[in-house]
Amino acid sequence: MRIALVIGSTVATIKDEALHSRKLLIVRAADTAGKPSGEPFVAVDTVSAGAGDLVLVTEGSSARQTGLTSNAPVDAVIVGVIDSLEVGGQVTFRKK
């Protein structure tokens, strides 16, 4: 899993049948302070995340292991919304 920041959403009216009724969010990898970096990518939302949320993303074959994405053509799935991060005994991120 990796940490990512939700920066937006996307709508695709024509898509694989396994993706119908699935929310597609645009995310960027983030550091432990929540600062985004790298190129944006699309992840299927399974936890009702939204713009501005810091989330946990699983990728690759693991992305197809959730109840909502089993056997679906997905490569990235949001599996958690982060409330806080602690690194080295210090809180580096806390959800507002």
N, C-alpha and C. Protein backbone atom coordinates (compact mmCIF):
# COMPACT_ATOMS: atom_id res chain seq x y z
N MET A 1 0.84 -1.19 0.00
CA MET A 1 0.00 0.00 0.00
C MET A 1 0.88 1.24 0.00
N ARG A 2 0.29 2.31 -0.49
CA ARG A 2 0.98 3.59 -0.39
C ARG A 2 0.01 4.69 -0.04
N ILE A 3 0.57 5.78 0.44
CA ILE A 3 -0.20 6.95 0.85
C ILE A 3 -0.41 7.82 -0.39
N ALA A 4 -1.64 8.35 -0.53
CA ALA A 4 -1.94 9.23 -1.66
C ALA A 4 -2.93 10.29 -1.21
N LEU A 5 -2.96 11.38 -1.96
CA LEU A 5 -3.88 12.48 -1.73
C LEU A 5 -4.89 12.51 -2.86
N VAL A 6 -6.18 12.55 -2.51
CA VAL A 6 -7.23 12.65 -3.52
C VAL A 6 -7.27 14.10 -4.01
N ILE A 7 -7.07 14.27 -5.33
CA ILE A 7 -7.03 15.63 -5.89
C ILE A 7 -8.20 15.92 -6.82
N GLY A 8 -9.02 14.92 -7.10
CA GLY A 8 -10.16 15.15 -7.98
C GLY A 8 -10.90 13.87 -8.29
N SER A 9 -11.80 13.97 -9.26
CA SER A 9 -12.57 12.80 -9.67
C SER A 9 -12.65 12.78 -11.18
N THR A 10 -13.09 11.66 -11.70
CA THR A 10 -13.26 11.54 -13.14
C THR A 10 -14.56 10.81 -13.43
N VAL A 11 -15.15 11.11 -14.57
CA VAL A 11 -16.38 10.46 -14.99
C VAL A 11 -16.11 9.82 -16.34
N ALA A 12 -16.45 8.53 -16.44
CA ALA A 12 -16.32 7.80 -17.70
C ALA A 12 -17.65 7.09 -17.93
N THR A 13 -18.45 7.60 -18.85
CA THR A 13 -19.75 7.00 -19.07
C THR A 13 -19.65 5.69 -19.84
N ILE A 14 -18.60 5.55 -20.64
CA ILE A 14 -18.36 4.31 -21.36
C ILE A 14 -17.15 3.65 -20.73
N LYS A 15 -17.38 2.49 -20.10
CA LYS A 15 -16.29 1.79 -19.41
C LYS A 15 -16.65 0.32 -19.28
N ASP A 16 -15.68 -0.47 -18.86
CA ASP A 16 -15.90 -1.89 -18.67
C ASP A 16 -17.08 -2.10 -17.72
N GLU A 17 -17.87 -3.11 -17.99
CA GLU A 17 -19.06 -3.40 -17.19
C GLU A 17 -18.73 -3.58 -15.70
N ALA A 18 -17.58 -4.13 -15.39
CA ALA A 18 -17.19 -4.35 -13.99
C ALA A 18 -16.95 -3.05 -13.24
N LEU A 19 -16.83 -1.94 -13.97
CA LEU A 19 -16.58 -0.65 -13.33
C LEU A 19 -17.82 0.22 -13.21
N HIS A 20 -18.94 -0.26 -13.71
CA HIS A 20 -20.18 0.51 -13.57
C HIS A 20 -20.52 0.71 -12.10
N SER A 21 -20.99 1.88 -11.76
CA SER A 21 -21.36 2.26 -10.38
C SER A 21 -20.15 2.37 -9.46
N ARG A 22 -18.96 2.47 -10.00
CA ARG A 22 -17.75 2.64 -9.18
C ARG A 22 -17.26 4.07 -9.32
N LYS A 23 -16.97 4.70 -8.18
CA LYS A 23 -16.44 6.08 -8.18
C LYS A 23 -14.96 6.02 -8.50
N LEU A 24 -14.54 6.83 -9.48
CA LEU A 24 -13.15 6.89 -9.91
C LEU A 24 -12.55 8.22 -9.45
N LEU A 25 -11.54 8.15 -8.60
CA LEU A 25 -10.91 9.36 -8.07
C LEU A 25 -9.50 9.52 -8.62
N ILE A 26 -9.08 10.76 -8.74
CA ILE A 26 -7.72 11.07 -9.18
C ILE A 26 -6.89 11.32 -7.94
N VAL A 27 -5.77 10.60 -7.83
CA VAL A 27 -4.90 10.70 -6.66
C VAL A 27 -3.45 10.93 -7.09
N ARG A 28 -2.68 11.44 -6.14
CA ARG A 28 -1.23 11.57 -6.33
C ARG A 28 -0.56 10.98 -5.10
N ALA A 29 0.53 10.28 -5.29
CA ALA A 29 1.29 9.76 -4.16
C ALA A 29 1.61 10.92 -3.23
N ALA A 30 1.70 10.65 -1.93
CA ALA A 30 1.97 11.71 -0.94
C ALA A 30 2.97 11.22 0.09
N ASP A 31 3.66 12.17 0.73
CA ASP A 31 4.58 11.81 1.80
C ASP A 31 3.81 11.74 3.12
N THR A 32 4.51 11.48 4.21
CA THR A 32 3.84 11.28 5.50
C THR A 32 3.28 12.57 6.09
N ALA A 33 3.56 13.71 5.47
CA ALA A 33 2.95 14.97 5.89
C ALA A 33 1.74 15.31 5.03
N GLY A 34 1.48 14.46 4.03
CA GLY A 34 0.35 14.70 3.15
C GLY A 34 0.67 15.52 1.92
N LYS A 35 1.95 15.82 1.70
CA LYS A 35 2.35 16.62 0.54
C LYS A 35 2.42 15.72 -0.70
N PRO A 36 1.64 16.06 -1.75
CA PRO A 36 1.62 15.21 -2.94
C PRO A 36 2.87 15.36 -3.80
N SER A 37 3.16 14.31 -4.55
CA SER A 37 4.27 14.33 -5.50
C SER A 37 3.98 13.34 -6.61
N GLY A 38 4.67 13.46 -7.70
CA GLY A 38 4.51 12.51 -8.79
C GLY A 38 3.29 12.77 -9.64
N GLU A 39 3.13 11.90 -10.62
CA GLU A 39 2.04 12.03 -11.59
C GLU A 39 0.72 11.54 -11.00
N PRO A 40 -0.38 12.21 -11.33
CA PRO A 40 -1.68 11.74 -10.87
C PRO A 40 -2.06 10.42 -11.55
N PHE A 41 -2.87 9.63 -10.86
CA PHE A 41 -3.40 8.41 -11.44
C PHE A 41 -4.80 8.19 -10.91
N VAL A 42 -5.54 7.31 -11.56
CA VAL A 42 -6.93 7.04 -11.20
C VAL A 42 -6.99 5.81 -10.30
N ALA A 43 -7.80 5.90 -9.26
CA ALA A 43 -8.02 4.77 -8.35
C ALA A 43 -9.51 4.59 -8.12
N VAL A 44 -9.94 3.36 -8.04
CA VAL A 44 -11.34 3.05 -7.73
C VAL A 44 -11.54 3.26 -6.24
N ASP A 45 -12.58 4.00 -5.88
CA ASP A 45 -12.87 4.28 -4.46
C ASP A 45 -13.79 3.21 -3.89
N THR A 46 -13.36 2.57 -2.80
CA THR A 46 -14.20 1.57 -2.14
C THR A 46 -14.63 2.00 -0.74
N VAL A 47 -14.24 3.23 -0.33
CA VAL A 47 -14.47 3.65 1.06
C VAL A 47 -15.11 5.03 1.18
N SER A 48 -15.67 5.57 0.12
CA SER A 48 -16.32 6.89 0.12
C SER A 48 -15.36 8.02 0.45
N ALA A 49 -14.18 7.97 -0.13
CA ALA A 49 -13.20 9.05 0.02
C ALA A 49 -13.64 10.24 -0.83
N GLY A 50 -13.02 11.38 -0.58
CA GLY A 50 -13.34 12.57 -1.35
C GLY A 50 -12.13 13.47 -1.54
N ALA A 51 -12.30 14.52 -2.32
CA ALA A 51 -11.22 15.45 -2.61
C ALA A 51 -10.62 15.98 -1.31
N GLY A 52 -9.31 15.98 -1.23
CA GLY A 52 -8.61 16.48 -0.06
C GLY A 52 -8.28 15.40 0.97
N ASP A 53 -8.87 14.21 0.83
CA ASP A 53 -8.58 13.13 1.77
C ASP A 53 -7.21 12.52 1.50
N LEU A 54 -6.52 12.18 2.56
CA LEU A 54 -5.31 11.38 2.47
C LEU A 54 -5.75 9.94 2.61
N VAL A 55 -5.34 9.09 1.68
CA VAL A 55 -5.89 7.74 1.61
C VAL A 55 -4.80 6.68 1.48
N LEU A 56 -5.21 5.44 1.71
CA LEU A 56 -4.36 4.28 1.47
C LEU A 56 -4.77 3.67 0.14
N VAL A 57 -3.80 3.46 -0.73
CA VAL A 57 -4.06 2.91 -2.05
C VAL A 57 -3.29 1.60 -2.19
N THR A 58 -3.96 0.58 -2.67
CA THR A 58 -3.29 -0.67 -3.01
C THR A 58 -3.30 -0.78 -4.52
N GLU A 59 -2.24 -1.39 -5.06
CA GLU A 59 -2.07 -1.43 -6.50
C GLU A 59 -1.76 -2.83 -7.01
N GLY A 60 -1.80 -2.99 -8.32
CA GLY A 60 -1.46 -4.25 -8.94
C GLY A 60 -2.50 -5.32 -8.66
N SER A 61 -2.05 -6.57 -8.56
CA SER A 61 -2.99 -7.67 -8.35
C SER A 61 -3.75 -7.54 -7.04
N SER A 62 -3.17 -6.88 -6.04
CA SER A 62 -3.85 -6.66 -4.76
C SER A 62 -5.08 -5.78 -4.92
N ALA A 63 -5.08 -4.92 -5.94
CA ALA A 63 -6.22 -4.03 -6.17
C ALA A 63 -7.48 -4.81 -6.56
N ARG A 64 -7.30 -6.02 -7.01
CA ARG A 64 -8.45 -6.83 -7.42
C ARG A 64 -8.90 -7.79 -6.31
N GLN A 65 -8.48 -7.53 -5.09
CA GLN A 65 -8.80 -8.42 -3.98
C GLN A 65 -9.89 -7.89 -3.06
N THR A 66 -10.49 -6.74 -3.38
CA THR A 66 -11.57 -6.22 -2.54
C THR A 66 -12.90 -6.79 -3.00
N GLY A 67 -13.90 -6.71 -2.16
CA GLY A 67 -15.22 -7.20 -2.51
C GLY A 67 -15.82 -6.49 -3.71
N LEU A 68 -15.45 -5.22 -3.90
CA LEU A 68 -16.02 -4.43 -5.00
C LEU A 68 -15.22 -4.52 -6.29
N THR A 69 -13.98 -5.01 -6.21
CA THR A 69 -13.14 -5.00 -7.40
C THR A 69 -12.68 -6.40 -7.85
N SER A 70 -13.20 -7.42 -7.22
CA SER A 70 -12.83 -8.78 -7.59
C SER A 70 -13.09 -9.02 -9.07
N ASN A 71 -12.07 -9.48 -9.77
CA ASN A 71 -12.15 -9.78 -11.21
C ASN A 71 -12.42 -8.56 -12.09
N ALA A 72 -12.19 -7.37 -11.57
CA ALA A 72 -12.38 -6.15 -12.36
C ALA A 72 -11.02 -5.70 -12.92
N PRO A 73 -11.01 -5.01 -14.05
CA PRO A 73 -9.76 -4.57 -14.65
C PRO A 73 -9.24 -3.29 -13.99
N VAL A 74 -8.79 -3.41 -12.74
CA VAL A 74 -8.31 -2.25 -11.99
C VAL A 74 -6.85 -2.46 -11.58
N ASP A 75 -6.14 -1.35 -11.44
CA ASP A 75 -4.75 -1.41 -11.03
C ASP A 75 -4.50 -0.63 -9.75
N ALA A 76 -5.47 0.20 -9.32
CA ALA A 76 -5.32 0.98 -8.10
C ALA A 76 -6.68 1.13 -7.43
N VAL A 77 -6.70 0.88 -6.11
CA VAL A 77 -7.95 0.95 -5.35
C VAL A 77 -7.70 1.67 -4.03
N ILE A 78 -8.60 2.59 -3.68
CA ILE A 78 -8.54 3.26 -2.39
C ILE A 78 -9.20 2.34 -1.38
N VAL A 79 -8.43 1.93 -0.35
CA VAL A 79 -8.94 0.97 0.63
C VAL A 79 -9.05 1.55 2.03
N GLY A 80 -8.67 2.81 2.22
CA GLY A 80 -8.79 3.43 3.53
C GLY A 80 -8.60 4.92 3.46
N VAL A 81 -9.26 5.63 4.38
CA VAL A 81 -9.06 7.08 4.55
C VAL A 81 -8.25 7.26 5.82
N ILE A 82 -7.15 7.98 5.73
CA ILE A 82 -6.23 8.13 6.85
C ILE A 82 -6.72 9.23 7.80
N ASP A 83 -6.78 8.90 9.10
CA ASP A 83 -7.14 9.88 10.12
C ASP A 83 -5.90 10.60 10.64
N SER A 84 -4.82 9.83 10.84
CA SER A 84 -3.57 10.44 11.30
C SER A 84 -2.41 9.53 10.95
N LEU A 85 -1.23 10.13 10.89
CA LEU A 85 0.01 9.39 10.66
C LEU A 85 1.00 9.75 11.76
N GLU A 86 1.69 8.76 12.27
CA GLU A 86 2.72 8.98 13.28
C GLU A 86 4.01 8.33 12.78
N VAL A 87 5.07 9.10 12.74
CA VAL A 87 6.36 8.61 12.28
C VAL A 87 7.41 8.99 13.33
N GLY A 88 8.15 8.01 13.83
CA GLY A 88 9.19 8.28 14.81
C GLY A 88 8.67 8.91 16.08
N GLY A 89 7.44 8.56 16.48
CA GLY A 89 6.87 9.09 17.70
C GLY A 89 6.23 10.47 17.55
N GLN A 90 6.25 11.04 16.33
CA GLN A 90 5.65 12.35 16.13
C GLN A 90 4.52 12.25 15.11
N VAL A 91 3.43 12.92 15.40
CA VAL A 91 2.31 12.96 14.45
C VAL A 91 2.70 13.88 13.30
N THR A 92 2.68 13.31 12.08
CA THR A 92 3.06 14.08 10.90
C THR A 92 1.86 14.53 10.10
N PHE A 93 0.70 13.90 10.37
CA PHE A 93 -0.54 14.27 9.68
C PHE A 93 -1.72 13.94 10.59
N ARG A 94 -2.67 14.85 10.64
CA ARG A 94 -3.92 14.62 11.35
C ARG A 94 -5.04 15.21 10.50
N LYS A 95 -6.06 14.40 10.24
CA LYS A 95 -7.19 14.85 9.43
C LYS A 95 -7.91 16.00 10.14
N LYS A 96 -8.25 17.00 9.37
CA LYS A 96 -8.93 18.18 9.92
C LYS A 96 -10.40 17.95 10.05
